[in-house]
Amino acid sequence: MKGQIFMMIAVLVLIALILLKSTLQPIIVKPENFLYENFINLKNELMRTVDISVLNNENVVSNLNSFTSFSSDVLKQRGYTETTEYTVSTYGNTTTVYMNLSLRIENSFIEDSFIINRTVYS
């Protein structure tokens, strides 16, 4: 009789441990479609790069080249393909950047063409 009680307690403890393990397992979030969020973040960082370059009187093209190289490497590690094309023109105190931006992952992509126009008054 003592052996049967011991076996029943062992089975109940084992069931309790299995249930506890299943409730404590971390929920795995699949990055199904963070494409839009990553695209918006990339676009905002490109605009910020232009803003900082213009405010600090730095070379906009050089800073954009450095940032796009960095962002392409980071996004490539996540499975994305970034395509950034831009033309920079400066007239007086005004810097204008014409930008075409594309971000792809597998069969999905987002594209946008936009203009960043900044004037610095001294």
N, C-alpha and C. Protein backbone atom coordinates (compact mmCIF):
# COMPACT_ATOMS: atom_id res chain seq x y z
N MET A 1 0.81 -1.20 0.00
CA MET A 1 0.00 0.00 0.00
C MET A 1 0.86 1.26 0.00
N LYS A 2 1.98 1.25 0.77
CA LYS A 2 2.84 2.42 0.80
C LYS A 2 3.46 2.66 -0.57
N GLY A 3 3.80 1.62 -1.29
CA GLY A 3 4.39 1.75 -2.62
C GLY A 3 3.44 2.37 -3.62
N GLN A 4 2.14 2.03 -3.52
CA GLN A 4 1.14 2.58 -4.42
C GLN A 4 0.95 4.09 -4.17
N ILE A 5 0.94 4.49 -2.92
CA ILE A 5 0.80 5.91 -2.59
C ILE A 5 2.02 6.68 -3.08
N PHE A 6 3.20 6.09 -2.90
CA PHE A 6 4.42 6.74 -3.38
C PHE A 6 4.38 6.91 -4.90
N MET A 7 3.93 5.87 -5.62
CA MET A 7 3.83 5.95 -7.09
C MET A 7 2.81 7.01 -7.51
N MET A 8 1.67 7.10 -6.82
CA MET A 8 0.65 8.09 -7.16
C MET A 8 1.17 9.51 -6.92
N ILE A 9 1.88 9.72 -5.82
CA ILE A 9 2.45 11.04 -5.53
C ILE A 9 3.50 11.40 -6.58
N ALA A 10 4.33 10.44 -6.97
CA ALA A 10 5.36 10.69 -7.98
C ALA A 10 4.73 11.07 -9.32
N VAL A 11 3.65 10.39 -9.71
CA VAL A 11 2.95 10.70 -10.97
C VAL A 11 2.34 12.10 -10.89
N LEU A 12 1.72 12.44 -9.78
CA LEU A 12 1.12 13.78 -9.63
C LEU A 12 2.19 14.88 -9.66
N VAL A 13 3.32 14.65 -9.01
CA VAL A 13 4.40 15.63 -9.05
C VAL A 13 4.94 15.77 -10.46
N LEU A 14 5.06 14.67 -11.18
CA LEU A 14 5.53 14.72 -12.56
C LEU A 14 4.57 15.49 -13.45
N ILE A 15 3.28 15.27 -13.28
CA ILE A 15 2.28 16.01 -14.06
C ILE A 15 2.34 17.50 -13.71
N ALA A 16 2.50 17.81 -12.44
CA ALA A 16 2.58 19.22 -12.02
C ALA A 16 3.82 19.88 -12.64
N LEU A 17 4.94 19.17 -12.67
CA LEU A 17 6.16 19.74 -13.26
C LEU A 17 6.01 19.95 -14.77
N ILE A 18 5.36 19.04 -15.45
CA ILE A 18 5.13 19.20 -16.89
C ILE A 18 4.23 20.40 -17.16
N LEU A 19 3.17 20.55 -16.38
CA LEU A 19 2.29 21.71 -16.55
C LEU A 19 3.02 23.01 -16.24
N LEU A 20 3.84 23.00 -15.21
CA LEU A 20 4.60 24.19 -14.85
C LEU A 20 5.58 24.56 -15.96
N LYS A 21 6.22 23.59 -16.55
CA LYS A 21 7.17 23.85 -17.63
C LYS A 21 6.46 24.44 -18.84
N SER A 22 5.30 23.92 -19.17
CA SER A 22 4.60 24.41 -20.36
C SER A 22 4.09 25.83 -20.16
N THR A 23 3.76 26.21 -18.92
CA THR A 23 3.30 27.58 -18.69
C THR A 23 4.45 28.57 -18.59
N LEU A 24 5.64 28.10 -18.26
CA LEU A 24 6.78 29.00 -18.10
C LEU A 24 7.62 29.13 -19.37
N GLN A 25 7.33 28.38 -20.40
CA GLN A 25 8.10 28.49 -21.64
C GLN A 25 7.85 29.86 -22.25
N PRO A 26 8.91 30.48 -22.75
CA PRO A 26 8.73 31.81 -23.36
C PRO A 26 7.91 31.71 -24.65
N ILE A 27 7.13 32.73 -24.87
CA ILE A 27 6.34 32.80 -26.09
C ILE A 27 7.26 33.26 -27.21
N ILE A 28 7.31 32.52 -28.26
CA ILE A 28 8.17 32.84 -29.38
C ILE A 28 7.38 33.71 -30.35
N VAL A 29 7.85 34.93 -30.54
CA VAL A 29 7.21 35.85 -31.46
C VAL A 29 7.91 35.74 -32.80
N LYS A 30 7.19 35.33 -33.78
CA LYS A 30 7.77 35.21 -35.11
C LYS A 30 7.77 36.58 -35.77
N PRO A 31 8.89 36.98 -36.32
CA PRO A 31 8.93 38.28 -37.01
C PRO A 31 8.26 38.17 -38.38
N GLU A 32 6.95 37.96 -38.35
CA GLU A 32 6.23 37.71 -39.58
C GLU A 32 6.30 38.89 -40.53
N ASN A 33 5.96 40.05 -40.03
CA ASN A 33 5.99 41.17 -40.95
C ASN A 33 6.30 42.47 -40.22
N PHE A 34 7.56 42.64 -39.92
CA PHE A 34 8.02 43.90 -39.37
C PHE A 34 8.54 44.79 -40.49
N LEU A 35 8.18 44.48 -41.72
CA LEU A 35 8.68 45.20 -42.88
C LEU A 35 8.33 46.69 -42.79
N TYR A 36 7.08 47.00 -42.52
CA TYR A 36 6.66 48.40 -42.47
C TYR A 36 7.38 49.16 -41.37
N GLU A 37 7.47 48.55 -40.19
CA GLU A 37 8.15 49.20 -39.06
C GLU A 37 9.62 49.46 -39.37
N ASN A 38 10.30 48.48 -39.95
CA ASN A 38 11.71 48.66 -40.31
C ASN A 38 11.88 49.71 -41.41
N PHE A 39 10.93 49.76 -42.34
CA PHE A 39 10.99 50.75 -43.41
C PHE A 39 10.85 52.16 -42.84
N ILE A 40 9.89 52.36 -41.97
CA ILE A 40 9.68 53.69 -41.37
C ILE A 40 10.89 54.10 -40.54
N ASN A 41 11.45 53.16 -39.77
CA ASN A 41 12.65 53.47 -38.99
C ASN A 41 13.81 53.86 -39.89
N LEU A 42 13.99 53.14 -40.99
CA LEU A 42 15.07 53.45 -41.94
C LEU A 42 14.87 54.83 -42.55
N LYS A 43 13.65 55.11 -42.96
CA LYS A 43 13.35 56.42 -43.56
C LYS A 43 13.61 57.56 -42.57
N ASN A 44 13.18 57.38 -41.32
CA ASN A 44 13.41 58.41 -40.30
C ASN A 44 14.90 58.61 -40.02
N GLU A 45 15.66 57.54 -40.00
CA GLU A 45 17.10 57.66 -39.76
C GLU A 45 17.81 58.34 -40.93
N LEU A 46 17.35 58.10 -42.13
CA LEU A 46 17.93 58.79 -43.29
C LEU A 46 17.66 60.29 -43.20
N MET A 47 16.45 60.66 -42.82
CA MET A 47 16.13 62.08 -42.65
C MET A 47 16.95 62.69 -41.52
N ARG A 48 17.13 61.95 -40.44
CA ARG A 48 17.93 62.44 -39.32
C ARG A 48 19.39 62.62 -39.74
N THR A 49 19.90 61.73 -40.56
CA THR A 49 21.28 61.84 -41.05
C THR A 49 21.45 63.12 -41.86
N VAL A 50 20.47 63.42 -42.71
CA VAL A 50 20.53 64.66 -43.50
C VAL A 50 20.46 65.87 -42.56
N ASP A 51 19.54 65.84 -41.61
CA ASP A 51 19.39 66.96 -40.68
C ASP A 51 20.68 67.24 -39.90
N ILE A 52 21.28 66.20 -39.35
CA ILE A 52 22.50 66.38 -38.57
C ILE A 52 23.64 66.86 -39.45
N SER A 53 23.72 66.33 -40.66
CA SER A 53 24.78 66.76 -41.58
C SER A 53 24.66 68.23 -41.93
N VAL A 54 23.43 68.66 -42.21
CA VAL A 54 23.21 70.07 -42.58
C VAL A 54 23.47 70.98 -41.39
N LEU A 55 22.98 70.60 -40.21
CA LEU A 55 23.17 71.44 -39.03
C LEU A 55 24.64 71.57 -38.63
N ASN A 56 25.40 70.48 -38.80
CA ASN A 56 26.81 70.50 -38.43
C ASN A 56 27.72 70.92 -39.59
N ASN A 57 27.10 71.32 -40.70
CA ASN A 57 27.84 71.77 -41.88
C ASN A 57 28.83 70.68 -42.35
N GLU A 58 28.34 69.43 -42.38
CA GLU A 58 29.16 68.30 -42.81
C GLU A 58 28.75 67.90 -44.23
N ASN A 59 29.53 67.02 -44.81
CA ASN A 59 29.25 66.53 -46.16
C ASN A 59 28.07 65.56 -46.11
N VAL A 60 26.96 65.97 -46.71
CA VAL A 60 25.73 65.18 -46.67
C VAL A 60 25.92 63.86 -47.42
N VAL A 61 26.55 63.89 -48.58
CA VAL A 61 26.74 62.68 -49.39
C VAL A 61 27.59 61.66 -48.64
N SER A 62 28.67 62.11 -48.03
CA SER A 62 29.54 61.21 -47.29
C SER A 62 28.81 60.57 -46.11
N ASN A 63 28.04 61.36 -45.37
CA ASN A 63 27.30 60.83 -44.23
C ASN A 63 26.20 59.87 -44.67
N LEU A 64 25.52 60.18 -45.78
CA LEU A 64 24.50 59.27 -46.30
C LEU A 64 25.13 57.96 -46.78
N ASN A 65 26.29 58.06 -47.43
CA ASN A 65 26.98 56.84 -47.86
C ASN A 65 27.35 55.97 -46.68
N SER A 66 27.86 56.58 -45.63
CA SER A 66 28.24 55.83 -44.42
C SER A 66 27.03 55.17 -43.77
N PHE A 67 25.95 55.94 -43.66
CA PHE A 67 24.76 55.39 -43.02
C PHE A 67 24.13 54.28 -43.85
N THR A 68 24.02 54.45 -45.15
CA THR A 68 23.40 53.41 -45.98
C THR A 68 24.24 52.14 -45.99
N SER A 69 25.56 52.28 -45.92
CA SER A 69 26.42 51.11 -45.83
C SER A 69 26.15 50.36 -44.52
N PHE A 70 26.08 51.10 -43.43
CA PHE A 70 25.79 50.51 -42.12
C PHE A 70 24.41 49.87 -42.09
N SER A 71 23.39 50.59 -42.54
CA SER A 71 22.03 50.07 -42.47
C SER A 71 21.84 48.86 -43.38
N SER A 72 22.49 48.85 -44.54
CA SER A 72 22.41 47.69 -45.43
C SER A 72 22.97 46.45 -44.77
N ASP A 73 24.10 46.59 -44.08
CA ASP A 73 24.70 45.45 -43.38
C ASP A 73 23.80 44.93 -42.27
N VAL A 74 23.24 45.83 -41.47
CA VAL A 74 22.38 45.44 -40.36
C VAL A 74 21.11 44.76 -40.88
N LEU A 75 20.48 45.36 -41.89
CA LEU A 75 19.25 44.80 -42.42
C LEU A 75 19.50 43.49 -43.16
N LYS A 76 20.65 43.36 -43.79
CA LYS A 76 20.99 42.12 -44.48
C LYS A 76 21.07 40.96 -43.50
N GLN A 77 21.58 41.21 -42.29
CA GLN A 77 21.65 40.18 -41.26
C GLN A 77 20.26 39.73 -40.83
N ARG A 78 19.28 40.60 -40.98
CA ARG A 78 17.90 40.28 -40.62
C ARG A 78 17.10 39.71 -41.79
N GLY A 79 17.73 39.60 -42.96
CA GLY A 79 17.06 39.03 -44.12
C GLY A 79 16.45 40.04 -45.06
N TYR A 80 16.71 41.32 -44.86
CA TYR A 80 16.15 42.38 -45.70
C TYR A 80 17.15 42.79 -46.78
N THR A 81 16.62 43.34 -47.84
CA THR A 81 17.45 43.94 -48.89
C THR A 81 17.05 45.40 -49.02
N GLU A 82 18.01 46.27 -48.80
CA GLU A 82 17.76 47.72 -48.85
C GLU A 82 18.34 48.28 -50.14
N THR A 83 17.56 49.12 -50.82
CA THR A 83 18.04 49.84 -51.99
C THR A 83 17.78 51.32 -51.75
N THR A 84 18.86 52.10 -51.72
CA THR A 84 18.74 53.53 -51.48
C THR A 84 19.46 54.27 -52.60
N GLU A 85 18.72 55.13 -53.29
CA GLU A 85 19.30 55.99 -54.32
C GLU A 85 18.94 57.43 -53.98
N TYR A 86 19.91 58.31 -54.11
CA TYR A 86 19.63 59.70 -53.76
C TYR A 86 20.51 60.64 -54.58
N THR A 87 20.00 61.86 -54.70
CA THR A 87 20.71 62.94 -55.35
C THR A 87 20.65 64.13 -54.41
N VAL A 88 21.81 64.73 -54.17
CA VAL A 88 21.89 65.87 -53.25
C VAL A 88 22.23 67.12 -54.05
N SER A 89 21.46 68.18 -53.82
CA SER A 89 21.79 69.45 -54.45
C SER A 89 21.73 70.54 -53.38
N THR A 90 22.64 71.49 -53.51
CA THR A 90 22.71 72.60 -52.56
C THR A 90 22.65 73.90 -53.33
N TYR A 91 21.78 74.78 -52.88
CA TYR A 91 21.66 76.10 -53.48
C TYR A 91 21.58 77.11 -52.34
N GLY A 92 22.65 77.85 -52.15
CA GLY A 92 22.70 78.82 -51.04
C GLY A 92 22.70 78.09 -49.71
N ASN A 93 21.73 78.44 -48.86
CA ASN A 93 21.62 77.80 -47.55
C ASN A 93 20.69 76.58 -47.56
N THR A 94 20.17 76.23 -48.74
CA THR A 94 19.19 75.16 -48.85
C THR A 94 19.82 73.90 -49.43
N THR A 95 19.62 72.78 -48.74
CA THR A 95 20.07 71.48 -49.21
C THR A 95 18.84 70.64 -49.50
N THR A 96 18.79 70.07 -50.69
CA THR A 96 17.68 69.24 -51.11
C THR A 96 18.19 67.85 -51.46
N VAL A 97 17.54 66.84 -50.89
CA VAL A 97 17.91 65.45 -51.18
C VAL A 97 16.70 64.77 -51.79
N TYR A 98 16.85 64.28 -53.03
CA TYR A 98 15.81 63.50 -53.70
C TYR A 98 16.15 62.04 -53.45
N MET A 99 15.24 61.33 -52.81
CA MET A 99 15.57 59.98 -52.37
C MET A 99 14.54 58.97 -52.85
N ASN A 100 15.05 57.82 -53.32
CA ASN A 100 14.24 56.64 -53.63
C ASN A 100 14.69 55.54 -52.69
N LEU A 101 13.75 54.99 -51.95
CA LEU A 101 14.08 54.00 -50.93
C LEU A 101 13.21 52.77 -51.12
N SER A 102 13.83 51.61 -51.03
CA SER A 102 13.12 50.35 -51.17
C SER A 102 13.66 49.37 -50.14
N LEU A 103 12.73 48.63 -49.51
CA LEU A 103 13.11 47.61 -48.54
C LEU A 103 12.34 46.34 -48.87
N ARG A 104 13.08 45.23 -49.01
CA ARG A 104 12.48 43.96 -49.41
C ARG A 104 12.81 42.87 -48.40
N ILE A 105 11.87 41.95 -48.25
CA ILE A 105 12.10 40.71 -47.52
C ILE A 105 11.23 39.65 -48.20
N GLU A 106 11.87 38.60 -48.63
CA GLU A 106 11.22 37.51 -49.34
C GLU A 106 10.39 38.05 -50.48
N ASN A 107 9.06 37.88 -50.46
CA ASN A 107 8.20 38.32 -51.57
C ASN A 107 7.51 39.65 -51.31
N SER A 108 7.87 40.32 -50.22
CA SER A 108 7.23 41.58 -49.86
C SER A 108 8.23 42.72 -49.99
N PHE A 109 7.70 43.90 -50.34
CA PHE A 109 8.57 45.07 -50.41
C PHE A 109 7.75 46.34 -50.20
N ILE A 110 8.47 47.39 -49.81
CA ILE A 110 7.90 48.74 -49.69
C ILE A 110 8.85 49.68 -50.40
N GLU A 111 8.29 50.59 -51.18
CA GLU A 111 9.09 51.60 -51.88
C GLU A 111 8.50 52.97 -51.59
N ASP A 112 9.38 53.97 -51.61
CA ASP A 112 8.92 55.34 -51.44
C ASP A 112 9.92 56.28 -52.09
N SER A 113 9.41 57.33 -52.69
CA SER A 113 10.24 58.41 -53.20
C SER A 113 9.84 59.66 -52.44
N PHE A 114 10.82 60.36 -51.91
CA PHE A 114 10.52 61.55 -51.13
C PHE A 114 11.64 62.55 -51.26
N ILE A 115 11.35 63.78 -50.85
CA ILE A 115 12.30 64.88 -50.92
C ILE A 115 12.54 65.41 -49.52
N ILE A 116 13.80 65.54 -49.18
CA ILE A 116 14.18 66.16 -47.91
C ILE A 116 14.75 67.53 -48.26
N ASN A 117 14.11 68.58 -47.79
CA ASN A 117 14.50 69.94 -48.11
C ASN A 117 14.78 70.69 -46.81
N ARG A 118 16.03 71.10 -46.61
CA ARG A 118 16.42 71.77 -45.37
C ARG A 118 17.14 73.07 -45.68
N THR A 119 16.76 74.11 -44.95
CA THR A 119 17.40 75.41 -45.07
C THR A 119 17.95 75.80 -43.70
N VAL A 120 19.21 76.21 -43.66
CA VAL A 120 19.84 76.64 -42.41
C VAL A 120 20.10 78.14 -42.51
N TYR A 121 19.60 78.86 -41.52
CA TYR A 121 19.82 80.30 -41.46
C TYR A 121 20.87 80.58 -40.41
N SER A 122 21.86 81.40 -40.76
CA SER A 122 22.91 81.68 -39.77
C SER A 122 22.79 83.08 -39.22
